[in-house]
Amino acid sequence: MIRYIASFTLLPLTAYAEAPKVITDIAPIHSLTAQVMGDLGTPDLLLPPGADPHDFALRPSDADRLGDAALVIWVGHGLTPWLEEPLEILAPSATQLELLETDGWETLETRDLKEIGAEDDHGHDEDGHDEKHDAHDHGDFDPHAWGDPDIAQVWLGLIATALSEIDPDNAATYQANANAAQTSIAALDATLTARLTPLAGQNYILPHDGYQYFEAHYGLTAVGALADVDARTPGPAQVSALRDQMTAEGIVCVFSDRAIGDRWAAILTEGTNANTARLDAIGVGLTAGPALYTDLMERLGTAFESCLTE
């Protein structure tokens, strides 16, 4: 479902002499969009690779870029609820493609991983609420859907459709580019499937629950997490409980990521034979552009493969 902020009478389907100005929210979505646009143009990127989508402050230059956009492609309210109001104010005439609100793919409910000790260890206000958690509430389903290459292929088609509707003269090129990108991602998926499927059944702990779509696609399942989907910092009771869980459940790997840091994985694996590796679902350290999505998925695959191989 492509959601239009303005009515059709205010947003005619204009054929652009050049590709329309497009802005995306995070680097993986920018990469998919860049593949569809190809040589016709380059989409703009709101959040640089590695920026935390849960907590990002717009700059004055970002407001200008949103105001110039003809098309805004973003994951959606479930990932960046803070972006909704700026879009309404700064880009009222832009077409929006909110990917989490589209059809053709299956959402996954937010998991209840064993975030042991979280209630006791995290700061709460006087009413018993975790203020950071409230600010980052993703809702009932996990928004990190780009981690599933099948969903990425669906989104490529939707991006091509959105571009074609505002730039019909280039519709055939957008569709051809999307088809080529889908073929490339399917080939990458086949390679990753061959590498990761044999590792199903290995027990591991995540830094936080932001990799579910990738795991589900390749038959991998975490048994615990240092933090929930919002990457809150773990507390002593939780770490102690997870240390006990390490032995009881035969955990072979404890992952870290930029949000949680490497310290907790080192603490949990000290004195054990478990491996560690760092995960990233956003594109930390990668160059924004068409190749980023493939690079991101390959790096995720390598991290899981190296850490889950005993």
Foldseek 3Di string as FASTA:
>chain_A
DWDFLDDCVLAPQDADPAQFAEEEEFQLVQLLLQLLCDPRDHYHYQDYFPDQLLDDDHDPVSLVSLLRGQEYEYCACLRRVVVVVSNVVRPSRHTYDHLPPDDDDDFAFFDPACLDPPLVFADDPPVSHRVSCVSNHNPGTASLQLLALVSSLVVLVVSLVVSCRNNVVCSVSSVVSSVVVNVVSVVLVVVLLVLQLVLAPAEEEEQEPRNVNNCVNNNHDYRHHNYYNSRDEHGDRSLVVVLVVCVVVVHQEYEAEPSHDDVSRCVSCVPHNHYYFYADSRQVPHDRYNCRNSVNNVVRSVRCSVRSPD
